[in-house]
Amino acid sequence: MRNSTETGGFKNRARPRRRRTAAAQQSLPKSAHHRLYQVSTATALVQGIYAGAVRVGTLRRHGDLGLGTFENLDGEMAIVDGHCFQVRSDGSVRECDDDALSPFAVVTRFAPAEAVTLAQCPDMSHLTSRFDALRPSDNFFFALRVDGFFEYVHTRAMHRTVEGMPLVQAAAVQPEFEFYNVSGTLVGFWTPEYAKTLNVPGYHLHFLSDDRMRGGHLLECRGTNLRLQVQREGDCHVVLPETEDFFKADLRRDPAADLAKAEGGKK
């Protein structure tokens, strides 16, 4: 317990003024501090920890744009305008109810200040280079969205697998899809290299067509009059799975090489 005399003396003593440092004076505006809500980590996913950790209803309470996967890697998740969709390995797409489970997902409330139109986009490399120009830093997470007409889209969807199978092995049987002349939306994130144990470093995008009948993890695209939006994320809230597998897993290894192999298409 505090000494009452000490407390009283403190109240009567003038508090010294704190000098603002240069860093404090140059702090970024609070309006830019959007929050990422993430379930599990990339390292856990690489190790085969696929048990459902969070319900879709929880994800939707924390964001209206996002991506991820479902329990036992049962397809690709795309959250667009607050609705959660599952793209399965047979190419089918369905809207999920709030009880569906996810072992890994990332969502945010998307409210970017402005949009940029890309008249011609010959390939995904050109798209990411335009996003590079819009990102003011390599040290923050960024949420991304692209809307428009795609002359070509190449995607894949993870095949449902068993708990514990390493991601690289599970990804070896992922079906791929090609779509032509389709309007749709890309949603995703850019993750700094230093955060590679948390999420896929660099760009990670999922596609969903406007008719909600086609989609998947983006491998390549080509389009016209694409509307690009980017939002800096200043907060990252990570929810760790309360499962026995996660408790016992050795998550010390660098997942970057396995993620790059699993996230890419067939060679």
Protein backbone atom coordinates (compact mmCIF):
# COMPACT_ATOMS: atom_id res chain seq x y z
CA MET A 1 0.00 0.00 0.00
CA ARG A 2 1.23 3.52 -0.77
CA ASN A 3 2.26 5.80 2.04
CA SER A 4 -0.52 8.42 2.38
CA THR A 5 1.96 11.23 3.03
CA GLU A 6 3.88 10.27 -0.07
CA THR A 7 0.67 10.22 -2.11
CA GLY A 8 -0.43 13.55 -0.78
CA GLY A 9 2.95 15.09 -1.47
CA PHE A 10 2.83 13.85 -5.04
CA LYS A 11 -0.55 15.47 -5.61
CA ASN A 12 0.71 18.83 -4.43
CA ARG A 13 3.92 18.69 -6.42
CA ALA A 14 3.95 20.15 -9.92
CA ARG A 15 4.51 17.41 -12.49
CA PRO A 16 7.44 18.01 -14.84
CA ARG A 17 6.51 18.62 -18.45
CA ARG A 18 7.50 15.78 -20.75
CA ARG A 19 9.51 16.80 -23.76
CA ARG A 20 8.16 15.47 -27.04
CA THR A 21 10.75 13.57 -28.99
CA ALA A 22 11.22 13.99 -32.72
CA ALA A 23 9.68 10.54 -33.21
CA ALA A 24 6.56 11.56 -31.30
CA GLN A 25 6.26 14.76 -33.30
CA GLN A 26 6.46 12.77 -36.54
CA SER A 27 3.95 10.06 -35.57
CA LEU A 28 1.49 8.99 -38.24
CA PRO A 29 -2.17 10.05 -38.11
CA LYS A 30 -4.45 7.82 -36.03
CA SER A 31 -6.92 7.60 -38.91
CA ALA A 32 -4.42 5.34 -40.68
CA HIS A 33 -4.19 2.85 -37.81
CA HIS A 34 -6.46 0.09 -39.05
CA ARG A 35 -6.26 -3.33 -37.41
CA LEU A 36 -5.53 -6.80 -38.76
CA TYR A 37 -7.19 -9.72 -36.99
CA GLN A 38 -5.33 -12.96 -37.67
CA VAL A 39 -5.99 -16.56 -36.67
CA SER A 40 -2.87 -18.71 -36.06
CA THR A 41 0.46 -18.27 -37.89
CA ALA A 42 2.05 -19.21 -41.19
CA THR A 43 4.56 -21.40 -39.37
CA ALA A 44 1.77 -23.42 -37.75
CA LEU A 45 0.07 -23.87 -41.12
CA VAL A 46 3.31 -25.11 -42.70
CA GLN A 47 3.63 -27.65 -39.88
CA GLY A 48 0.18 -29.11 -40.64
CA ILE A 49 -1.91 -27.56 -37.87
CA TYR A 50 -5.25 -27.46 -39.67
CA ALA A 51 -7.83 -27.91 -36.89
CA GLY A 52 -10.52 -25.21 -36.84
CA ALA A 53 -9.57 -22.48 -34.37
CA VAL A 54 -12.07 -19.65 -34.99
CA ARG A 55 -15.58 -19.53 -36.43
CA VAL A 56 -16.43 -17.50 -39.51
CA GLY A 57 -18.88 -15.48 -37.41
CA THR A 58 -15.98 -14.28 -35.27
CA LEU A 59 -13.96 -13.34 -38.34
CA ARG A 60 -16.86 -11.29 -39.72
CA ARG A 61 -17.15 -9.40 -36.43
CA HIS A 62 -13.54 -8.30 -36.85
CA GLY A 63 -13.48 -7.40 -40.54
CA ASP A 64 -15.23 -7.19 -43.90
CA LEU A 65 -12.27 -8.05 -46.15
CA GLY A 66 -9.94 -10.99 -45.80
CA LEU A 67 -8.67 -14.40 -46.80
CA GLY A 68 -7.63 -17.72 -45.33
CA THR A 69 -8.58 -21.38 -45.45
CA PHE A 70 -10.97 -23.77 -43.73
CA GLU A 71 -10.64 -26.69 -41.34
CA ASN A 72 -8.43 -29.43 -42.83
CA LEU A 73 -7.43 -27.05 -45.66
CA ASP A 74 -10.85 -27.49 -47.26
CA GLY A 75 -10.50 -24.81 -49.94
CA GLU A 76 -9.75 -21.09 -50.13
CA MET A 77 -11.47 -18.34 -48.15
CA ALA A 78 -12.38 -14.94 -49.61
CA ILE A 79 -14.18 -12.37 -47.46
CA VAL A 80 -15.65 -9.63 -49.66
CA ASP A 81 -17.93 -6.85 -48.34
CA GLY A 82 -18.47 -8.78 -45.12
CA HIS A 83 -19.55 -12.03 -46.80
CA CYS A 84 -17.38 -15.14 -46.45
CA PHE A 85 -17.00 -17.51 -49.41
CA GLN A 86 -15.39 -20.94 -49.72
CA VAL A 87 -13.76 -21.97 -53.00
CA ARG A 88 -13.36 -25.74 -52.90
CA SER A 89 -10.97 -27.99 -54.80
CA ASP A 90 -13.71 -29.05 -57.23
CA GLY A 91 -14.07 -25.41 -58.31
CA SER A 92 -17.41 -24.85 -56.59
CA VAL A 93 -18.05 -21.69 -54.56
CA ARG A 94 -20.46 -21.30 -51.65
CA GLU A 95 -21.18 -18.65 -49.06
CA CYS A 96 -20.33 -19.93 -45.58
CA ASP A 97 -22.47 -19.76 -42.49
CA ASP A 98 -21.06 -18.35 -39.26
CA ASP A 99 -20.38 -21.78 -37.74
CA ALA A 100 -17.77 -22.80 -40.34
CA LEU A 101 -14.30 -23.18 -38.81
CA SER A 102 -10.95 -21.81 -39.93
CA PRO A 103 -7.40 -22.80 -38.84
CA PHE A 104 -5.86 -19.72 -40.48
CA ALA A 105 -7.36 -16.43 -41.66
CA VAL A 106 -6.65 -12.69 -41.81
CA VAL A 107 -9.34 -9.98 -41.87
CA THR A 108 -9.62 -6.21 -41.54
CA ARG A 109 -12.20 -3.46 -41.78
CA PHE A 110 -11.47 -1.97 -45.16
CA ALA A 111 -11.95 1.78 -45.55
CA PRO A 112 -9.23 3.16 -47.85
CA ALA A 113 -9.06 6.87 -48.53
CA GLU A 114 -8.77 6.67 -52.31
CA ALA A 115 -8.59 4.41 -55.36
CA VAL A 116 -6.30 4.26 -58.40
CA THR A 117 -7.41 2.95 -61.81
CA LEU A 118 -5.03 0.76 -63.76
CA ALA A 119 -6.07 1.02 -67.43
CA GLN A 120 -4.03 -1.97 -68.61
CA CYS A 121 -2.66 -4.83 -66.53
CA PRO A 122 -0.76 -7.36 -68.65
CA ASP A 123 0.13 -9.70 -65.78
CA MET A 124 0.32 -10.12 -62.03
CA SER A 125 3.86 -8.77 -61.91
CA HIS A 126 2.60 -5.47 -63.33
CA LEU A 127 -0.23 -5.43 -60.77
CA THR A 128 2.09 -5.92 -57.82
CA SER A 129 4.50 -3.28 -59.14
CA ARG A 130 1.63 -0.76 -59.13
CA PHE A 131 0.81 -1.75 -55.55
CA ASP A 132 4.51 -1.31 -54.73
CA ALA A 133 4.22 2.29 -55.89
CA LEU A 134 1.15 2.84 -53.69
CA ARG A 135 2.72 1.39 -50.53
CA PRO A 136 4.63 4.13 -48.66
CA SER A 137 6.65 1.68 -46.53
CA ASP A 138 8.02 -1.86 -46.46
CA ASN A 139 7.61 -2.06 -42.69
CA PHE A 140 3.81 -2.15 -42.34
CA PHE A 141 1.13 -4.64 -43.28
CA PHE A 142 -1.21 -3.50 -46.09
CA ALA A 143 -4.71 -4.66 -46.99
CA LEU A 144 -5.43 -4.76 -50.74
CA ARG A 145 -8.44 -4.84 -53.01
CA VAL A 146 -8.80 -4.88 -56.81
CA ASP A 147 -12.12 -4.64 -58.67
CA GLY A 148 -12.67 -4.81 -62.41
CA PHE A 149 -12.72 -6.83 -65.61
CA PHE A 150 -10.20 -9.64 -65.95
CA GLU A 151 -9.39 -11.05 -69.37
CA TYR A 152 -7.62 -13.94 -67.67
CA VAL A 153 -7.40 -15.31 -64.13
CA HIS A 154 -5.40 -18.34 -63.00
CA THR A 155 -6.19 -19.69 -59.52
CA ARG A 156 -5.85 -22.78 -57.39
CA ALA A 157 -7.71 -24.23 -54.40
CA MET A 158 -6.34 -26.42 -51.64
CA HIS A 159 -7.67 -29.97 -51.40
CA ARG A 160 -9.13 -31.14 -48.09
CA THR A 161 -6.46 -33.08 -46.21
CA VAL A 162 -5.77 -34.72 -42.87
CA GLU A 163 -4.49 -32.94 -39.78
CA GLY A 164 -0.70 -33.07 -39.48
CA MET A 165 0.23 -33.41 -43.15
CA PRO A 166 2.88 -30.76 -43.93
CA LEU A 167 1.63 -27.93 -46.13
CA VAL A 168 4.09 -28.65 -48.95
CA GLN A 169 2.76 -32.21 -49.25
CA ALA A 170 -0.86 -31.06 -49.07
CA ALA A 171 -0.25 -28.40 -51.73
CA ALA A 172 1.21 -30.95 -54.16
CA VAL A 173 -2.32 -32.05 -55.13
CA GLN A 174 -4.00 -28.64 -55.39
CA PRO A 175 -6.26 -28.30 -58.49
CA GLU A 176 -5.82 -25.20 -60.67
CA PHE A 177 -8.40 -23.22 -62.63
CA GLU A 178 -8.36 -20.75 -65.53
CA PHE A 179 -11.08 -18.18 -66.16
CA TYR A 180 -11.53 -15.85 -69.13
CA ASN A 181 -13.38 -12.53 -69.49
CA VAL A 182 -14.76 -12.37 -65.98
CA SER A 183 -15.53 -9.44 -63.67
CA GLY A 184 -14.52 -9.88 -60.08
CA THR A 185 -12.59 -8.85 -56.99
CA LEU A 186 -9.15 -9.60 -55.59
CA VAL A 187 -8.71 -9.33 -51.83
CA GLY A 188 -5.55 -9.84 -49.85
CA PHE A 189 -2.56 -8.49 -47.99
CA TRP A 190 1.06 -7.49 -48.30
CA THR A 191 3.21 -8.72 -45.39
CA PRO A 192 6.71 -7.42 -44.51
CA GLU A 193 9.60 -9.85 -44.80
CA TYR A 194 10.33 -9.62 -41.06
CA ALA A 195 6.84 -11.07 -40.32
CA LYS A 196 7.27 -14.25 -42.39
CA THR A 197 6.64 -16.49 -39.38
CA LEU A 198 3.20 -14.88 -39.02
CA ASN A 199 1.97 -14.64 -42.60
CA VAL A 200 2.95 -15.18 -46.23
CA PRO A 201 5.65 -12.54 -46.95
CA GLY A 202 4.93 -10.24 -49.87
CA TYR A 203 1.64 -10.35 -51.78
CA HIS A 204 -1.12 -12.86 -51.03
CA LEU A 205 -4.36 -12.45 -53.02
CA HIS A 206 -7.57 -14.44 -53.48
CA PHE A 207 -10.04 -13.99 -56.33
CA LEU A 208 -13.85 -14.06 -56.32
CA SER A 209 -15.97 -13.45 -59.42
CA ASP A 210 -18.91 -11.04 -59.31
CA ASP A 211 -21.34 -13.91 -59.94
CA ARG A 212 -19.81 -15.74 -56.92
CA MET A 213 -19.27 -18.87 -59.01
CA ARG A 214 -15.47 -18.78 -59.54
CA GLY A 215 -12.47 -18.03 -57.39
CA GLY A 216 -9.39 -19.24 -55.55
CA HIS A 217 -5.85 -18.33 -54.58
CA LEU A 218 -4.46 -16.03 -57.29
CA LEU A 219 -1.54 -17.29 -59.38
CA GLU A 220 -1.79 -14.99 -62.41
CA CYS A 221 -4.12 -12.41 -63.94
CA ARG A 222 -4.59 -9.98 -66.82
CA GLY A 223 -7.19 -7.22 -66.96
CA THR A 224 -8.32 -3.72 -67.91
CA ASN A 225 -9.63 -0.74 -65.96
CA LEU A 226 -8.80 -2.32 -62.63
CA ARG A 227 -9.60 -0.31 -59.51
CA LEU A 228 -6.78 -0.65 -56.97
CA GLN A 229 -7.18 0.21 -53.27
CA VAL A 230 -4.64 -0.11 -50.49
CA GLN A 231 -4.91 0.41 -46.73
CA ARG A 232 -2.07 0.55 -44.22
CA GLU A 233 -2.54 -1.58 -41.12
CA GLY A 234 -1.04 -0.19 -37.92
CA ASP A 235 -2.27 -2.89 -35.53
CA CYS A 236 -1.99 -6.68 -35.70
CA HIS A 237 -4.03 -8.89 -33.35
CA VAL A 238 -3.07 -12.57 -33.54
CA VAL A 239 -5.28 -15.28 -32.04
CA LEU A 240 -3.36 -18.50 -31.30
CA PRO A 241 -5.14 -21.87 -31.62
CA GLU A 242 -6.14 -23.45 -28.31
CA THR A 243 -5.41 -26.96 -29.60
CA GLU A 244 -3.13 -29.74 -28.39
CA ASP A 245 -1.29 -29.81 -31.72
CA PHE A 246 -0.42 -26.13 -31.46
CA PHE A 247 0.69 -26.52 -27.82
CA LYS A 248 3.12 -29.28 -28.74
CA ALA A 249 4.33 -28.09 -32.15
CA ASP A 250 7.92 -27.01 -32.76
CA LEU A 251 7.41 -23.66 -34.50
CA ARG A 252 11.02 -22.47 -34.52
CA ARG A 253 11.88 -23.22 -38.15
CA ASP A 254 11.71 -20.59 -40.89
CA PRO A 255 8.57 -21.29 -43.00
CA ALA A 256 9.45 -19.00 -45.95
CA ALA A 257 10.74 -21.65 -48.38
CA ASP A 258 7.82 -24.01 -47.74
CA LEU A 259 5.31 -21.16 -48.04
CA ALA A 260 6.77 -20.05 -51.38
CA LYS A 261 6.54 -23.60 -52.72
CA ALA A 262 3.00 -24.18 -51.40
CA GLU A 263 1.60 -20.82 -52.48
CA GLY A 264 2.84 -21.08 -56.06
CA GLY A 265 1.35 -23.06 -58.92
CA LYS A 266 2.53 -26.34 -60.40
CA LYS A 267 5.90 -26.11 -62.12
